[in-house]
Amino acid sequence: MKFIISMLIIMVFVCGCASHKQKLPDEQKYKEIQRDYIVSDHSRTSGDLRPGWIDNPQLWAKEHKGDFDTTKYTYFAYETDPKASRKLSCQLARSYARVDIASEIATFIDKSLAESDEGSVAIDENNPQTRGLRNFVENTLAEKIQALIHGSRPLKIHWEKRKYKKKFGAKRDFTAYTCAAFIRMDNGRLKDAIDEAANFVSEEADDPATKANVKKALENVEEKFVKAKNGEI
């Protein structure tokens, strides 16, 4: 009997550890994630940890719901490529965040069209009449969406000074800075922007049948985007 009880305790412990490992990490030690560089300095005031919001901002915000409201806002993060100065890197992180949000929305709309039966018909690559629509979605839509995004607000900034090493796989030895911005956008404004973007796509269709197919494929796309960000679909 004691043996059975002991085994049950061990099983509960193992299951508990497994479920804990599946949880999104709040932060990661730099030594666990470094590749071809060493982080020699960063903006964290304590500890040698990289913020969890950089890699998955919405899920990170959900885990910190006491400070962040994911029912009212959607959260994004943008991290720059290595730059020569910290100031430049962080300026780019703030200014390019909206561009990155627009690109993410455009990609989601493109994916929604591709995965929908109606959308697949509407953007058939073999149909010359729909080639212009496909080109619009791939090359112009993100730029159009940028003009629709209002009220995005940077909440956090994190910079890193990295020493890239050839011996770790970098092309050469050099030092550079990266910077990440944690952005909040009101769900109402976000949904309005996505809905307007979907209208852009349908209006770009040349004929009534294609227009109807696009509208059907992108029906409630704004709701689906927010749900996808929250891991609900």
C-alpha atoms as a PDB file:
ATOM      1  CA  MET A   1       0.000   0.000   0.000  1.00  0.00           C
ATOM      2  CA  LYS A   2       2.862   2.366   0.874  1.00  0.00           C
ATOM      3  CA  PHE A   3       4.448   1.569  -2.477  1.00  0.00           C
ATOM      4  CA  ILE A   4       1.254   2.514  -4.353  1.00  0.00           C
ATOM      5  CA  ILE A   5       0.923   5.787  -2.440  1.00  0.00           C
ATOM      6  CA  SER A   6       4.566   6.627  -3.146  1.00  0.00           C
ATOM      7  CA  MET A   7       4.087   5.958  -6.849  1.00  0.00           C
ATOM      8  CA  LEU A   8       1.012   8.191  -6.928  1.00  0.00           C
ATOM      9  CA  ILE A   9       2.936  11.025  -5.270  1.00  0.00           C
ATOM     10  CA  ILE A  10       5.738  10.660  -7.820  1.00  0.00           C
ATOM     11  CA  MET A  11       3.240  10.692 -10.704  1.00  0.00           C
ATOM     12  CA  VAL A  12       1.577  13.870  -9.382  1.00  0.00           C
ATOM     13  CA  PHE A  13       4.994  15.506  -9.022  1.00  0.00           C
ATOM     14  CA  VAL A  14       6.038  14.536 -12.560  1.00  0.00           C
ATOM     15  CA  CYS A  15       2.757  15.763 -14.059  1.00  0.00           C
ATOM     16  CA  GLY A  16       3.099  18.993 -12.134  1.00  0.00           C
ATOM     17  CA  CYS A  17       6.592  19.531 -13.504  1.00  0.00           C
ATOM     18  CA  ALA A  18       5.435  18.762 -17.033  1.00  0.00           C
ATOM     19  CA  SER A  19       2.597  21.283 -16.832  1.00  0.00           C
ATOM     20  CA  HIS A  20       4.978  23.840 -15.396  1.00  0.00           C
ATOM     21  CA  LYS A  21       7.357  23.406 -18.326  1.00  0.00           C
ATOM     22  CA  GLN A  22       4.525  24.055 -20.792  1.00  0.00           C
ATOM     23  CA  LYS A  23       3.887  27.475 -19.264  1.00  0.00           C
ATOM     24  CA  LEU A  24       5.273  30.421 -21.165  1.00  0.00           C
ATOM     25  CA  PRO A  25       8.513  31.442 -19.448  1.00  0.00           C
ATOM     26  CA  ASP A  26       8.384  34.848 -17.819  1.00  0.00           C
ATOM     27  CA  GLU A  27      12.070  35.476 -18.458  1.00  0.00           C
ATOM     28  CA  GLN A  28      15.058  33.557 -19.757  1.00  0.00           C
ATOM     29  CA  LYS A  29      18.676  33.657 -18.745  1.00  0.00           C
ATOM     30  CA  TYR A  30      20.846  35.053 -21.497  1.00  0.00           C
ATOM     31  CA  LYS A  31      23.143  32.045 -21.408  1.00  0.00           C
ATOM     32  CA  GLU A  32      20.171  29.842 -22.383  1.00  0.00           C
ATOM     33  CA  ILE A  33      19.353  31.789 -25.550  1.00  0.00           C
ATOM     34  CA  GLN A  34      22.626  33.196 -26.848  1.00  0.00           C
ATOM     35  CA  ARG A  35      23.694  32.026 -30.271  1.00  0.00           C
ATOM     36  CA  ASP A  36      26.478  33.873 -32.084  1.00  0.00           C
ATOM     37  CA  TYR A  37      26.863  36.663 -29.521  1.00  0.00           C
ATOM     38  CA  ILE A  38      27.383  37.449 -25.845  1.00  0.00           C
ATOM     39  CA  VAL A  39      25.215  40.039 -24.091  1.00  0.00           C
ATOM     40  CA  SER A  40      27.701  42.307 -22.326  1.00  0.00           C
ATOM     41  CA  ASP A  41      25.178  44.882 -21.085  1.00  0.00           C
ATOM     42  CA  HIS A  42      21.418  45.446 -21.104  1.00  0.00           C
ATOM     43  CA  SER A  43      18.683  47.703 -19.745  1.00  0.00           C
ATOM     44  CA  ARG A  44      17.487  45.418 -16.958  1.00  0.00           C
ATOM     45  CA  THR A  45      18.225  46.979 -13.592  1.00  0.00           C
ATOM     46  CA  SER A  46      18.570  43.627 -11.839  1.00  0.00           C
ATOM     47  CA  GLY A  47      19.386  40.073 -12.878  1.00  0.00           C
ATOM     48  CA  ASP A  48      20.791  38.630 -16.043  1.00  0.00           C
ATOM     49  CA  LEU A  49      17.435  37.900 -17.674  1.00  0.00           C
ATOM     50  CA  ARG A  50      15.764  38.690 -20.993  1.00  0.00           C
ATOM     51  CA  PRO A  51      12.114  39.918 -20.719  1.00  0.00           C
ATOM     52  CA  GLY A  52       9.507  37.366 -21.777  1.00  0.00           C
ATOM     53  CA  TRP A  53       7.349  39.975 -23.546  1.00  0.00           C
ATOM     54  CA  ILE A  54       9.833  40.239 -26.428  1.00  0.00           C
ATOM     55  CA  ASP A  55       9.083  36.766 -27.803  1.00  0.00           C
ATOM     56  CA  ASN A  56       5.334  36.511 -27.078  1.00  0.00           C
ATOM     57  CA  PRO A  57       3.861  39.846 -25.925  1.00  0.00           C
ATOM     58  CA  GLN A  58       0.186  38.867 -25.787  1.00  0.00           C
ATOM     59  CA  LEU A  59       0.657  35.661 -23.793  1.00  0.00           C
ATOM     60  CA  TRP A  60       3.125  37.432 -21.508  1.00  0.00           C
ATOM     61  CA  ALA A  61       0.534  40.156 -20.882  1.00  0.00           C
ATOM     62  CA  LYS A  62      -2.115  37.512 -20.134  1.00  0.00           C
ATOM     63  CA  GLU A  63       0.149  35.974 -17.495  1.00  0.00           C
ATOM     64  CA  HIS A  64       0.588  39.432 -15.936  1.00  0.00           C
ATOM     65  CA  LYS A  65      -3.080  40.386 -16.112  1.00  0.00           C
ATOM     66  CA  GLY A  66      -2.858  42.320 -12.864  1.00  0.00           C
ATOM     67  CA  ASP A  67      -0.876  44.953 -14.759  1.00  0.00           C
ATOM     68  CA  PHE A  68      -2.090  44.396 -18.332  1.00  0.00           C
ATOM     69  CA  ASP A  69      -5.687  44.109 -19.589  1.00  0.00           C
ATOM     70  CA  THR A  70      -5.857  41.734 -22.563  1.00  0.00           C
ATOM     71  CA  THR A  71      -9.657  42.096 -22.759  1.00  0.00           C
ATOM     72  CA  LYS A  72      -9.275  45.761 -23.692  1.00  0.00           C
ATOM     73  CA  TYR A  73      -5.868  45.843 -25.391  1.00  0.00           C
ATOM     74  CA  THR A  74      -3.757  43.755 -27.734  1.00  0.00           C
ATOM     75  CA  TYR A  75      -0.009  43.737 -27.149  1.00  0.00           C
ATOM     76  CA  PHE A  76       2.793  43.605 -29.701  1.00  0.00           C
ATOM     77  CA  ALA A  77       6.581  43.641 -29.594  1.00  0.00           C
ATOM     78  CA  TYR A  78       9.180  44.666 -32.135  1.00  0.00           C
ATOM     79  CA  GLU A  79      12.933  44.023 -31.837  1.00  0.00           C
ATOM     80  CA  THR A  80      15.462  45.644 -34.154  1.00  0.00           C
ATOM     81  CA  ASP A  81      18.351  44.043 -35.972  1.00  0.00           C
ATOM     82  CA  PRO A  82      21.817  44.895 -34.599  1.00  0.00           C
ATOM     83  CA  LYS A  83      22.653  48.599 -34.989  1.00  0.00           C
ATOM     84  CA  ALA A  84      25.743  50.698 -34.394  1.00  0.00           C
ATOM     85  CA  SER A  85      24.319  52.724 -31.496  1.00  0.00           C
ATOM     86  CA  ARG A  86      21.857  52.168 -28.677  1.00  0.00           C
ATOM     87  CA  LYS A  87      20.060  55.459 -29.363  1.00  0.00           C
ATOM     88  CA  LEU A  88      19.489  54.623 -33.020  1.00  0.00           C
ATOM     89  CA  SER A  89      18.340  51.101 -32.196  1.00  0.00           C
ATOM     90  CA  CYS A  90      15.718  52.285 -29.703  1.00  0.00           C
ATOM     91  CA  GLN A  91      14.507  55.069 -32.014  1.00  0.00           C
ATOM     92  CA  LEU A  92      13.940  52.457 -34.711  1.00  0.00           C
ATOM     93  CA  ALA A  93      12.181  50.111 -32.277  1.00  0.00           C
ATOM     94  CA  ARG A  94       9.630  52.806 -31.465  1.00  0.00           C
ATOM     95  CA  SER A  95       9.133  54.044 -35.023  1.00  0.00           C
ATOM     96  CA  TYR A  96       9.046  50.641 -36.735  1.00  0.00           C
ATOM     97  CA  ALA A  97       6.620  49.080 -34.251  1.00  0.00           C
ATOM     98  CA  ARG A  98       3.586  50.370 -36.174  1.00  0.00           C
ATOM     99  CA  VAL A  99       5.061  49.070 -39.439  1.00  0.00           C
ATOM    100  CA  ASP A 100       5.472  45.647 -37.839  1.00  0.00           C
ATOM    101  CA  ILE A 101       1.877  45.645 -36.535  1.00  0.00           C
ATOM    102  CA  ALA A 102       0.599  46.513 -40.020  1.00  0.00           C
ATOM    103  CA  SER A 103       2.686  43.728 -41.525  1.00  0.00           C
ATOM    104  CA  GLU A 104       1.316  41.230 -38.990  1.00  0.00           C
ATOM    105  CA  ILE A 105      -2.270  42.208 -39.836  1.00  0.00           C
ATOM    106  CA  ALA A 106      -1.610  41.995 -43.583  1.00  0.00           C
ATOM    107  CA  THR A 107      -0.069  38.540 -43.146  1.00  0.00           C
ATOM    108  CA  PHE A 108      -3.108  37.388 -41.159  1.00  0.00           C
ATOM    109  CA  ILE A 109      -5.497  38.675 -43.845  1.00  0.00           C
ATOM    110  CA  ASP A 110      -3.439  36.964 -46.557  1.00  0.00           C
ATOM    111  CA  LYS A 111      -3.475  33.718 -44.572  1.00  0.00           C
ATOM    112  CA  SER A 112      -7.239  33.993 -43.992  1.00  0.00           C
ATOM    113  CA  LEU A 113      -7.802  34.330 -47.733  1.00  0.00           C
ATOM    114  CA  ALA A 114      -5.537  31.383 -48.512  1.00  0.00           C
ATOM    115  CA  GLU A 115      -7.191  29.096 -45.943  1.00  0.00           C
ATOM    116  CA  SER A 116     -10.772  29.925 -46.899  1.00  0.00           C
ATOM    117  CA  ASP A 117     -12.584  28.136 -49.717  1.00  0.00           C
ATOM    118  CA  GLU A 118     -14.051  31.454 -50.852  1.00  0.00           C
ATOM    119  CA  GLY A 119     -10.691  33.179 -50.552  1.00  0.00           C
ATOM    120  CA  SER A 120      -8.878  30.465 -52.467  1.00  0.00           C
ATOM    121  CA  VAL A 121     -11.218  31.030 -55.392  1.00  0.00           C
ATOM    122  CA  ALA A 122     -10.831  34.792 -55.098  1.00  0.00           C
ATOM    123  CA  ILE A 123      -7.032  34.758 -55.253  1.00  0.00           C
ATOM    124  CA  ASP A 124      -6.504  31.879 -57.660  1.00  0.00           C
ATOM    125  CA  GLU A 125      -2.962  32.434 -58.958  1.00  0.00           C
ATOM    126  CA  ASN A 126      -3.854  30.748 -62.260  1.00  0.00           C
ATOM    127  CA  ASN A 127      -6.591  33.281 -62.962  1.00  0.00           C
ATOM    128  CA  PRO A 128      -5.177  36.416 -64.666  1.00  0.00           C
ATOM    129  CA  GLN A 129      -8.173  38.453 -63.496  1.00  0.00           C
ATOM    130  CA  THR A 130      -7.270  38.003 -59.809  1.00  0.00           C
ATOM    131  CA  ARG A 131      -3.511  38.551 -60.178  1.00  0.00           C
ATOM    132  CA  GLY A 132      -3.889  42.232 -59.329  1.00  0.00           C
ATOM    133  CA  LEU A 133      -5.749  41.404 -56.134  1.00  0.00           C
ATOM    134  CA  ARG A 134      -3.024  39.012 -55.035  1.00  0.00           C
ATOM    135  CA  ASN A 135      -0.362  41.611 -55.777  1.00  0.00           C
ATOM    136  CA  PHE A 136      -2.279  44.202 -53.733  1.00  0.00           C
ATOM    137  CA  VAL A 137      -2.477  41.904 -50.706  1.00  0.00           C
ATOM    138  CA  GLU A 138       1.193  40.959 -50.873  1.00  0.00           C
ATOM    139  CA  ASN A 139       2.759  44.325 -51.717  1.00  0.00           C
ATOM    140  CA  THR A 140       0.412  47.200 -50.887  1.00  0.00           C
ATOM    141  CA  LEU A 141      -1.916  46.170 -48.057  1.00  0.00           C
ATOM    142  CA  ALA A 142       0.598  46.551 -45.195  1.00  0.00           C
ATOM    143  CA  GLU A 143       1.369  50.111 -46.288  1.00  0.00           C
ATOM    144  CA  LYS A 144      -2.354  50.933 -46.389  1.00  0.00           C
ATOM    145  CA  ILE A 145      -2.857  49.484 -42.889  1.00  0.00           C
ATOM    146  CA  GLN A 146      -0.097  51.665 -41.422  1.00  0.00           C
ATOM    147  CA  ALA A 147      -2.235  54.732 -42.041  1.00  0.00           C
ATOM    148  CA  LEU A 148      -5.119  53.109 -40.134  1.00  0.00           C
ATOM    149  CA  ILE A 149      -3.205  52.311 -36.959  1.00  0.00           C
ATOM    150  CA  HIS A 150      -3.741  54.981 -34.325  1.00  0.00           C
ATOM    151  CA  GLY A 151      -3.179  55.006 -30.591  1.00  0.00           C
ATOM    152  CA  SER A 152      -0.438  52.387 -30.414  1.00  0.00           C
ATOM    153  CA  ARG A 153       1.569  53.118 -27.289  1.00  0.00           C
ATOM    154  CA  PRO A 154       5.026  51.862 -26.263  1.00  0.00           C
ATOM    155  CA  LEU A 155       4.914  50.620 -22.664  1.00  0.00           C
ATOM    156  CA  LYS A 156       8.398  49.155 -22.287  1.00  0.00           C
ATOM    157  CA  ILE A 157      11.777  49.427 -23.989  1.00  0.00           C
ATOM    158  CA  HIS A 158      14.602  46.917 -23.619  1.00  0.00           C
ATOM    159  CA  TRP A 159      18.073  47.236 -25.157  1.00  0.00           C
ATOM    160  CA  GLU A 160      21.003  44.862 -25.335  1.00  0.00           C
ATOM    161  CA  LYS A 161      24.669  45.396 -26.100  1.00  0.00           C
ATOM    162  CA  ARG A 162      25.863  42.318 -27.959  1.00  0.00           C
ATOM    163  CA  LYS A 163      29.360  41.139 -28.763  1.00  0.00           C
ATOM    164  CA  TYR A 164      29.096  38.973 -31.862  1.00  0.00           C
ATOM    165  CA  LYS A 165      31.817  36.355 -32.108  1.00  0.00           C
ATOM    166  CA  LYS A 166      33.059  34.592 -35.204  1.00  0.00           C
ATOM    167  CA  LYS A 167      33.924  31.555 -33.102  1.00  0.00           C
ATOM    168  CA  PHE A 168      30.221  31.276 -32.138  1.00  0.00           C
ATOM    169  CA  GLY A 169      29.052  31.436 -35.764  1.00  0.00           C
ATOM    170  CA  ALA A 170      28.913  35.155 -36.531  1.00  0.00           C
ATOM    171  CA  LYS A 171      30.372  36.298 -39.864  1.00  0.00           C
ATOM    172  CA  ARG A 172      32.871  38.483 -38.004  1.00  0.00           C
ATOM    173  CA  ASP A 173      33.638  39.877 -34.561  1.00  0.00           C
ATOM    174  CA  PHE A 174      31.746  43.086 -33.867  1.00  0.00           C
ATOM    175  CA  THR A 175      29.727  44.894 -31.189  1.00  0.00           C
ATOM    176  CA  ALA A 176      26.200  46.173 -31.805  1.00  0.00           C
ATOM    177  CA  TYR A 177      22.984  47.135 -30.042  1.00  0.00           C
ATOM    178  CA  THR A 178      19.469  45.775 -30.371  1.00  0.00           C
ATOM    179  CA  CYS A 179      16.342  47.312 -28.892  1.00  0.00           C
ATOM    180  CA  ALA A 180      12.820  45.973 -28.369  1.00  0.00           C
ATOM    181  CA  ALA A 181       9.575  47.895 -27.829  1.00  0.00           C
ATOM    182  CA  PHE A 182       6.492  46.512 -26.032  1.00  0.00           C
ATOM    183  CA  ILE A 183       3.396  48.073 -27.620  1.00  0.00           C
ATOM    184  CA  ARG A 184      -0.228  48.346 -26.512  1.00  0.00           C
ATOM    185  CA  MET A 185      -3.131  48.993 -28.876  1.00  0.00           C
ATOM    186  CA  ASP A 186      -6.793  49.461 -27.979  1.00  0.00           C
ATOM    187  CA  ASN A 187      -8.871  46.539 -29.254  1.00  0.00           C
ATOM    188  CA  GLY A 188     -11.609  48.796 -30.601  1.00  0.00           C
ATOM    189  CA  ARG A 189      -9.169  50.796 -32.721  1.00  0.00           C
ATOM    190  CA  LEU A 190      -7.354  47.647 -33.768  1.00  0.00           C
ATOM    191  CA  LYS A 191     -10.548  45.950 -34.937  1.00  0.00           C
ATOM    192  CA  ASP A 192     -11.629  49.071 -36.840  1.00  0.00           C
ATOM    193  CA  ALA A 193      -8.266  49.120 -38.636  1.00  0.00           C
ATOM    194  CA  ILE A 194      -8.493  45.434 -39.580  1.00  0.00           C
ATOM    195  CA  ASP A 195     -12.098  45.796 -40.736  1.00  0.00           C
ATOM    196  CA  GLU A 196     -11.111  48.748 -42.932  1.00  0.00           C
ATOM    197  CA  ALA A 197      -8.154  46.768 -44.286  1.00  0.00           C
ATOM    198  CA  ALA A 198     -10.499  43.905 -45.216  1.00  0.00           C
ATOM    199  CA  ASN A 199     -12.661  46.445 -47.062  1.00  0.00           C
ATOM    200  CA  PHE A 200      -9.582  47.635 -48.974  1.00  0.00           C
ATOM    201  CA  VAL A 201      -9.017  44.075 -50.180  1.00  0.00           C
ATOM    202  CA  SER A 202     -12.612  43.477 -51.272  1.00  0.00           C
ATOM    203  CA  GLU A 203     -12.785  46.836 -53.068  1.00  0.00           C
ATOM    204  CA  GLU A 204      -9.652  45.893 -54.999  1.00  0.00           C
ATOM    205  CA  ALA A 205     -11.504  42.958 -56.605  1.00  0.00           C
ATOM    206  CA  ASP A 206     -12.364  43.551 -60.251  1.00  0.00           C
ATOM    207  CA  ASP A 207     -15.664  41.692 -60.538  1.00  0.00           C
ATOM    208  CA  PRO A 208     -18.737  41.192 -58.289  1.00  0.00           C
ATOM    209  CA  ALA A 209     -18.170  37.439 -57.834  1.00  0.00           C
ATOM    210  CA  THR A 210     -14.599  37.884 -56.640  1.00  0.00           C
ATOM    211  CA  LYS A 211     -15.646  40.772 -54.403  1.00  0.00           C
ATOM    212  CA  ALA A 212     -18.322  38.587 -52.785  1.00  0.00           C
ATOM    213  CA  ASN A 213     -15.843  35.741 -52.260  1.00  0.00           C
ATOM    214  CA  VAL A 214     -13.321  38.051 -50.608  1.00  0.00           C
ATOM    215  CA  LYS A 215     -15.945  39.519 -48.276  1.00  0.00           C
ATOM    216  CA  LYS A 216     -17.064  36.017 -47.295  1.00  0.00           C
ATOM    217  CA  ALA A 217     -13.489  34.873 -46.687  1.00  0.00           C
ATOM    218  CA  LEU A 218     -12.699  37.907 -44.516  1.00  0.00           C
ATOM    219  CA  GLU A 219     -15.943  37.941 -42.565  1.00  0.00           C
ATOM    220  CA  ASN A 220     -15.213  38.814 -38.896  1.00  0.00           C
ATOM    221  CA  VAL A 221     -11.476  38.771 -39.620  1.00  0.00           C
ATOM    222  CA  GLU A 222     -10.933  41.472 -36.975  1.00  0.00           C
ATOM    223  CA  GLU A 223     -12.434  39.245 -34.254  1.00  0.00           C
ATOM    224  CA  LYS A 224     -10.418  36.262 -35.446  1.00  0.00           C
ATOM    225  CA  PHE A 225      -7.179  38.253 -35.354  1.00  0.00           C
ATOM    226  CA  VAL A 226      -7.640  39.246 -31.704  1.00  0.00           C
ATOM    227  CA  LYS A 227      -8.632  35.688 -30.775  1.00  0.00           C
ATOM    228  CA  ALA A 228      -5.577  34.331 -32.550  1.00  0.00           C
ATOM    229  CA  LYS A 229      -3.351  36.749 -30.635  1.00  0.00           C
ATOM    230  CA  ASN A 230      -4.897  35.459 -27.414  1.00  0.00           C
ATOM    231  CA  GLY A 231      -4.306  31.838 -28.405  1.00  0.00           C
ATOM    232  CA  GLU A 232      -8.051  31.129 -28.577  1.00  0.00           C
ATOM    233  CA  ILE A 233      -8.032  29.795 -32.159  1.00  0.00           C
END
